[in-house]
Amino acid sequence: MLDEIIDILAVDVVALRVPGPLHHQDAIARMIFEHCAAATTAEAAFGLAHHAITLAWPARPEGLLPLTFPQFHELVAHRLFDQAVHLALAVDGDTNQIDEIANALHVALLADPDLTGRQPSN
């Protein structure tokens, strides 16, 4: 009887390195848990998030034009990596959705008053 209960309660534990800025890692870990994402899905979401940042580079807002590609990538990852991963998890890391994620990052950059110099609208 006890063996049956142990079998029912057995959980596979997978070590997963959460990439990105440290200040996003708790939120990302929570997203993975809440999404019940398998390690392979989480890894796909991480890659998709990074690729979406890359895809957002050519359409970056005017105020970010002076940045080099590495600077842009670092800035967007610092500010929005958790959002990019959230969107990528929502589509289970499906690379066919990369344009939508890159567009969402672009919109978020345009709305960020720290990057645009505009006051937030209420």
N, C-alpha and C. Protein backbone atom coordinates (compact mmCIF):
# COMPACT_ATOMS: atom_id res chain seq x y z
N MET A 1 0.82 -1.20 0.00
CA MET A 1 0.00 0.00 0.00
C MET A 1 0.86 1.26 0.00
N LEU A 2 1.87 1.29 0.86
CA LEU A 2 2.75 2.45 0.93
C LEU A 2 3.49 2.64 -0.39
N ASP A 3 3.91 1.56 -1.03
CA ASP A 3 4.59 1.67 -2.32
C ASP A 3 3.68 2.30 -3.37
N GLU A 4 2.39 1.97 -3.34
CA GLU A 4 1.45 2.55 -4.29
C GLU A 4 1.29 4.05 -4.06
N ILE A 5 1.24 4.45 -2.80
CA ILE A 5 1.13 5.88 -2.49
C ILE A 5 2.38 6.61 -2.95
N ILE A 6 3.54 6.03 -2.71
CA ILE A 6 4.79 6.65 -3.14
C ILE A 6 4.82 6.78 -4.66
N ASP A 7 4.37 5.74 -5.37
CA ASP A 7 4.32 5.81 -6.83
C ASP A 7 3.41 6.94 -7.31
N ILE A 8 2.29 7.13 -6.64
CA ILE A 8 1.35 8.19 -7.02
C ILE A 8 1.97 9.56 -6.77
N LEU A 9 2.73 9.70 -5.69
CA LEU A 9 3.31 10.98 -5.33
C LEU A 9 4.64 11.27 -6.01
N ALA A 10 5.18 10.28 -6.70
CA ALA A 10 6.48 10.47 -7.34
C ALA A 10 6.40 11.56 -8.39
N VAL A 11 7.38 12.42 -8.36
CA VAL A 11 7.43 13.54 -9.29
C VAL A 11 8.81 13.54 -9.92
N ASP A 12 8.84 13.70 -11.22
CA ASP A 12 10.12 13.84 -11.89
C ASP A 12 10.62 15.25 -11.67
N VAL A 13 11.83 15.36 -11.22
CA VAL A 13 12.43 16.67 -10.99
C VAL A 13 13.45 16.90 -12.10
N VAL A 14 13.31 18.03 -12.74
CA VAL A 14 14.20 18.37 -13.84
C VAL A 14 14.92 19.66 -13.48
N ALA A 15 16.22 19.63 -13.62
CA ALA A 15 17.00 20.85 -13.41
C ALA A 15 16.94 21.66 -14.70
N LEU A 16 16.59 22.91 -14.56
CA LEU A 16 16.44 23.77 -15.72
C LEU A 16 17.09 25.10 -15.40
N ARG A 17 18.05 25.49 -16.22
CA ARG A 17 18.69 26.79 -16.04
C ARG A 17 17.81 27.84 -16.69
N VAL A 18 17.41 28.81 -15.91
CA VAL A 18 16.57 29.89 -16.42
C VAL A 18 17.50 31.01 -16.87
N PRO A 19 17.55 31.27 -18.18
CA PRO A 19 18.45 32.31 -18.68
C PRO A 19 17.84 33.70 -18.48
N GLY A 20 18.62 34.68 -18.81
CA GLY A 20 18.13 36.05 -18.74
C GLY A 20 18.58 36.75 -17.48
N PRO A 21 18.21 38.00 -17.35
CA PRO A 21 18.61 38.79 -16.19
C PRO A 21 18.09 38.19 -14.89
N LEU A 22 18.89 38.30 -13.84
CA LEU A 22 18.53 37.73 -12.55
C LEU A 22 17.20 38.25 -12.03
N HIS A 23 16.91 39.52 -12.26
CA HIS A 23 15.67 40.09 -11.72
C HIS A 23 14.42 39.53 -12.39
N HIS A 24 14.56 38.79 -13.48
CA HIS A 24 13.41 38.16 -14.13
C HIS A 24 13.27 36.67 -13.79
N GLN A 25 14.29 36.08 -13.20
CA GLN A 25 14.31 34.63 -13.06
C GLN A 25 13.21 34.07 -12.17
N ASP A 26 12.87 34.73 -11.09
CA ASP A 26 11.79 34.24 -10.24
C ASP A 26 10.46 34.24 -10.99
N ALA A 27 10.19 35.33 -11.70
CA ALA A 27 8.93 35.41 -12.45
C ALA A 27 8.90 34.35 -13.55
N ILE A 28 10.01 34.14 -14.22
CA ILE A 28 10.06 33.15 -15.29
C ILE A 28 9.89 31.74 -14.73
N ALA A 29 10.53 31.45 -13.61
CA ALA A 29 10.37 30.13 -12.98
C ALA A 29 8.91 29.90 -12.61
N ARG A 30 8.26 30.94 -12.08
CA ARG A 30 6.83 30.83 -11.73
C ARG A 30 5.99 30.58 -12.98
N MET A 31 6.31 31.26 -14.08
CA MET A 31 5.57 31.06 -15.33
C MET A 31 5.69 29.62 -15.81
N ILE A 32 6.89 29.08 -15.74
CA ILE A 32 7.12 27.70 -16.18
C ILE A 32 6.29 26.75 -15.33
N PHE A 33 6.30 26.98 -14.04
CA PHE A 33 5.53 26.13 -13.13
C PHE A 33 4.03 26.25 -13.40
N GLU A 34 3.54 27.47 -13.52
CA GLU A 34 2.11 27.70 -13.75
C GLU A 34 1.67 27.16 -15.10
N HIS A 35 2.55 27.22 -16.08
CA HIS A 35 2.23 26.71 -17.42
C HIS A 35 2.37 25.19 -17.49
N CYS A 36 2.97 24.62 -16.43
CA CYS A 36 3.27 23.18 -16.40
C CYS A 36 4.10 22.79 -17.62
N ALA A 37 5.04 23.66 -17.95
CA ALA A 37 5.84 23.45 -19.15
C ALA A 37 6.89 22.38 -18.92
N ALA A 38 7.00 21.49 -19.86
CA ALA A 38 8.09 20.51 -19.85
C ALA A 38 9.39 21.25 -20.08
N ALA A 39 10.49 20.63 -19.70
CA ALA A 39 11.80 21.27 -19.87
C ALA A 39 12.05 21.62 -21.34
N THR A 40 11.64 20.74 -22.24
CA THR A 40 11.87 21.02 -23.66
C THR A 40 11.05 22.23 -24.13
N THR A 41 9.85 22.37 -23.62
CA THR A 41 9.02 23.53 -23.97
C THR A 41 9.62 24.80 -23.40
N ALA A 42 10.09 24.74 -22.16
CA ALA A 42 10.72 25.91 -21.55
C ALA A 42 11.96 26.32 -22.32
N GLU A 43 12.79 25.34 -22.68
CA GLU A 43 14.00 25.65 -23.46
C GLU A 43 13.63 26.27 -24.81
N ALA A 44 12.60 25.75 -25.45
CA ALA A 44 12.15 26.31 -26.73
C ALA A 44 11.66 27.74 -26.53
N ALA A 45 10.97 27.99 -25.42
CA ALA A 45 10.46 29.33 -25.13
C ALA A 45 11.61 30.31 -24.90
N PHE A 46 12.66 29.86 -24.21
CA PHE A 46 13.82 30.73 -23.98
C PHE A 46 14.46 31.11 -25.31
N GLY A 47 14.65 30.13 -26.16
CA GLY A 47 15.25 30.40 -27.47
C GLY A 47 14.38 31.32 -28.30
N LEU A 48 13.07 31.07 -28.28
CA LEU A 48 12.13 31.89 -29.04
C LEU A 48 12.15 33.33 -28.53
N ALA A 49 12.23 33.51 -27.23
CA ALA A 49 12.28 34.86 -26.65
C ALA A 49 13.53 35.60 -27.15
N HIS A 50 14.67 34.94 -27.13
CA HIS A 50 15.91 35.57 -27.62
C HIS A 50 15.82 35.88 -29.10
N HIS A 51 15.28 34.97 -29.88
CA HIS A 51 15.15 35.20 -31.32
C HIS A 51 14.17 36.33 -31.63
N ALA A 52 13.12 36.45 -30.82
CA ALA A 52 12.15 37.53 -31.01
C ALA A 52 12.81 38.89 -30.75
N ILE A 53 13.70 38.94 -29.76
CA ILE A 53 14.45 40.18 -29.51
C ILE A 53 15.29 40.52 -30.74
N THR A 54 15.93 39.51 -31.30
CA THR A 54 16.73 39.72 -32.51
C THR A 54 15.86 40.24 -33.65
N LEU A 55 14.69 39.65 -33.80
CA LEU A 55 13.78 40.05 -34.88
C LEU A 55 13.25 41.47 -34.66
N ALA A 56 13.19 41.92 -33.42
CA ALA A 56 12.70 43.27 -33.12
C ALA A 56 13.76 44.34 -33.44
N TRP A 57 15.00 43.94 -33.63
CA TRP A 57 16.09 44.89 -33.86
C TRP A 57 15.85 45.83 -35.05
N PRO A 58 15.51 45.35 -36.25
CA PRO A 58 15.37 46.27 -37.38
C PRO A 58 14.24 47.28 -37.21
N ALA A 59 13.22 46.94 -36.44
CA ALA A 59 12.07 47.83 -36.28
C ALA A 59 12.12 48.57 -34.94
N ARG A 60 13.31 48.68 -34.35
CA ARG A 60 13.43 49.32 -33.04
C ARG A 60 12.97 50.78 -33.11
N PRO A 61 12.45 51.26 -31.99
CA PRO A 61 11.99 52.66 -31.96
C PRO A 61 13.14 53.63 -32.26
N GLU A 62 12.77 54.79 -32.76
CA GLU A 62 13.74 55.79 -33.19
C GLU A 62 14.77 56.13 -32.11
N GLY A 63 14.32 56.22 -30.89
CA GLY A 63 15.23 56.57 -29.80
C GLY A 63 16.28 55.51 -29.52
N LEU A 64 16.08 54.31 -30.04
CA LEU A 64 17.04 53.22 -29.82
C LEU A 64 17.93 52.98 -31.03
N LEU A 65 17.78 53.79 -32.08
CA LEU A 65 18.58 53.62 -33.29
C LEU A 65 20.09 53.71 -33.05
N PRO A 66 20.55 54.58 -32.13
CA PRO A 66 22.00 54.66 -31.92
C PRO A 66 22.62 53.41 -31.27
N LEU A 67 21.82 52.55 -30.70
CA LEU A 67 22.35 51.37 -30.02
C LEU A 67 22.90 50.36 -31.02
N THR A 68 23.98 49.71 -30.63
CA THR A 68 24.48 48.58 -31.42
C THR A 68 23.55 47.40 -31.18
N PHE A 69 23.68 46.38 -32.02
CA PHE A 69 22.83 45.20 -31.81
C PHE A 69 23.02 44.59 -30.42
N PRO A 70 24.26 44.37 -29.96
CA PRO A 70 24.42 43.80 -28.61
C PRO A 70 23.81 44.68 -27.52
N GLN A 71 23.96 46.00 -27.67
CA GLN A 71 23.36 46.91 -26.68
C GLN A 71 21.84 46.81 -26.69
N PHE A 72 21.26 46.77 -27.88
CA PHE A 72 19.81 46.64 -28.01
C PHE A 72 19.34 45.33 -27.38
N HIS A 73 20.00 44.25 -27.73
CA HIS A 73 19.60 42.93 -27.22
C HIS A 73 19.68 42.92 -25.70
N GLU A 74 20.74 43.47 -25.14
CA GLU A 74 20.90 43.50 -23.68
C GLU A 74 19.82 44.36 -23.03
N LEU A 75 19.53 45.51 -23.63
CA LEU A 75 18.51 46.41 -23.09
C LEU A 75 17.13 45.74 -23.08
N VAL A 76 16.76 45.16 -24.21
CA VAL A 76 15.44 44.54 -24.31
C VAL A 76 15.35 43.33 -23.36
N ALA A 77 16.40 42.53 -23.31
CA ALA A 77 16.39 41.39 -22.39
C ALA A 77 16.27 41.88 -20.95
N HIS A 78 16.99 42.95 -20.62
CA HIS A 78 16.95 43.49 -19.26
C HIS A 78 15.54 43.95 -18.89
N ARG A 79 14.88 44.60 -19.83
CA ARG A 79 13.57 45.19 -19.53
C ARG A 79 12.41 44.24 -19.78
N LEU A 80 12.51 43.38 -20.80
CA LEU A 80 11.32 42.67 -21.26
C LEU A 80 11.47 41.15 -21.40
N PHE A 81 12.57 40.58 -20.93
CA PHE A 81 12.77 39.14 -21.16
C PHE A 81 11.66 38.31 -20.55
N ASP A 82 11.18 38.68 -19.37
CA ASP A 82 10.10 37.91 -18.75
C ASP A 82 8.84 37.96 -19.61
N GLN A 83 8.54 39.11 -20.20
CA GLN A 83 7.37 39.21 -21.07
C GLN A 83 7.54 38.36 -22.32
N ALA A 84 8.75 38.39 -22.88
CA ALA A 84 9.01 37.59 -24.08
C ALA A 84 8.87 36.10 -23.78
N VAL A 85 9.38 35.67 -22.64
CA VAL A 85 9.25 34.25 -22.26
C VAL A 85 7.79 33.91 -22.00
N HIS A 86 7.07 34.80 -21.36
CA HIS A 86 5.64 34.56 -21.10
C HIS A 86 4.89 34.34 -22.42
N LEU A 87 5.14 35.20 -23.40
CA LEU A 87 4.49 35.05 -24.70
C LEU A 87 4.92 33.77 -25.39
N ALA A 88 6.20 33.44 -25.29
CA ALA A 88 6.71 32.22 -25.91
C ALA A 88 6.15 30.97 -25.25
N LEU A 89 5.97 31.00 -23.95
CA LEU A 89 5.36 29.86 -23.26
C LEU A 89 3.88 29.72 -23.66
N ALA A 90 3.22 30.85 -23.85
CA ALA A 90 1.80 30.82 -24.22
C ALA A 90 1.58 30.11 -25.55
N VAL A 91 2.60 30.11 -26.41
CA VAL A 91 2.49 29.42 -27.70
C VAL A 91 3.33 28.15 -27.71
N ASP A 92 3.70 27.69 -26.52
CA ASP A 92 4.49 26.46 -26.35
C ASP A 92 5.78 26.47 -27.16
N GLY A 93 6.39 27.64 -27.27
CA GLY A 93 7.67 27.75 -27.97
C GLY A 93 7.59 27.59 -29.46
N ASP A 94 6.39 27.76 -30.01
CA ASP A 94 6.18 27.59 -31.46
C ASP A 94 6.84 28.72 -32.24
N THR A 95 7.87 28.39 -33.00
CA THR A 95 8.62 29.41 -33.73
C THR A 95 7.79 30.10 -34.82
N ASN A 96 6.68 29.51 -35.19
CA ASN A 96 5.80 30.17 -36.17
C ASN A 96 5.17 31.43 -35.60
N GLN A 97 5.26 31.61 -34.29
CA GLN A 97 4.66 32.78 -33.64
C GLN A 97 5.68 33.88 -33.35
N ILE A 98 6.88 33.75 -33.87
CA ILE A 98 7.95 34.70 -33.54
C ILE A 98 7.61 36.13 -33.95
N ASP A 99 6.94 36.31 -35.09
CA ASP A 99 6.60 37.67 -35.52
C ASP A 99 5.69 38.36 -34.51
N GLU A 100 4.73 37.63 -33.97
CA GLU A 100 3.80 38.20 -32.99
C GLU A 100 4.54 38.60 -31.72
N ILE A 101 5.49 37.77 -31.30
CA ILE A 101 6.24 38.07 -30.08
C ILE A 101 7.15 39.28 -30.32
N ALA A 102 7.83 39.32 -31.46
CA ALA A 102 8.68 40.47 -31.78
C ALA A 102 7.85 41.75 -31.86
N ASN A 103 6.67 41.66 -32.42
CA ASN A 103 5.79 42.83 -32.49
C ASN A 103 5.36 43.28 -31.10
N ALA A 104 5.05 42.34 -30.24
CA ALA A 104 4.66 42.69 -28.87
C ALA A 104 5.82 43.38 -28.14
N LEU A 105 7.04 42.94 -28.39
CA LEU A 105 8.21 43.60 -27.80
C LEU A 105 8.34 45.02 -28.33
N HIS A 106 8.14 45.18 -29.63
CA HIS A 106 8.21 46.51 -30.25
C HIS A 106 7.18 47.45 -29.61
N VAL A 107 5.97 46.97 -29.45
CA VAL A 107 4.90 47.79 -28.84
C VAL A 107 5.27 48.14 -27.40
N ALA A 108 5.81 47.17 -26.67
CA ALA A 108 6.21 47.43 -25.28
C ALA A 108 7.34 48.46 -25.21
N LEU A 109 8.27 48.40 -26.15
CA LEU A 109 9.35 49.39 -26.18
C LEU A 109 8.80 50.79 -26.46
N LEU A 110 7.86 50.87 -27.38
CA LEU A 110 7.25 52.17 -27.71
C LEU A 110 6.47 52.75 -26.53
N ALA A 111 5.93 51.88 -25.69
CA ALA A 111 5.12 52.32 -24.56
C ALA A 111 5.94 52.60 -23.31
N ASP A 112 7.22 52.29 -23.32
CA ASP A 112 8.06 52.44 -22.14
C ASP A 112 8.51 53.89 -22.00
N PRO A 113 7.98 54.62 -21.00
CA PRO A 113 8.32 56.04 -20.87
C PRO A 113 9.81 56.26 -20.58
N ASP A 114 10.48 55.30 -19.97
CA ASP A 114 11.91 55.46 -19.71
C ASP A 114 12.72 55.44 -21.00
N LEU A 115 12.19 54.78 -22.01
CA LEU A 115 12.92 54.69 -23.28
C LEU A 115 12.47 55.74 -24.29
N THR A 116 11.24 56.19 -24.17
CA THR A 116 10.71 57.17 -25.13
C THR A 116 10.81 58.60 -24.63
N GLY A 117 10.97 58.77 -23.32
CA GLY A 117 11.01 60.11 -22.73
C GLY A 117 9.62 60.70 -22.56
N ARG A 118 8.58 59.93 -22.93
CA ARG A 118 7.22 60.41 -22.77
C ARG A 118 6.68 60.04 -21.38
N GLN A 119 5.76 60.84 -20.93
CA GLN A 119 5.10 60.55 -19.66
C GLN A 119 4.07 59.44 -19.89
N PRO A 120 3.94 58.51 -18.94
CA PRO A 120 2.93 57.45 -19.12
C PRO A 120 1.53 58.05 -19.13
N SER A 121 0.69 57.50 -20.00
CA SER A 121 -0.70 57.99 -20.06
C SER A 121 -1.52 57.26 -19.02
N ASN A 122 -2.43 58.00 -18.41
CA ASN A 122 -3.30 57.40 -17.37
C ASN A 122 -4.69 57.22 -17.84
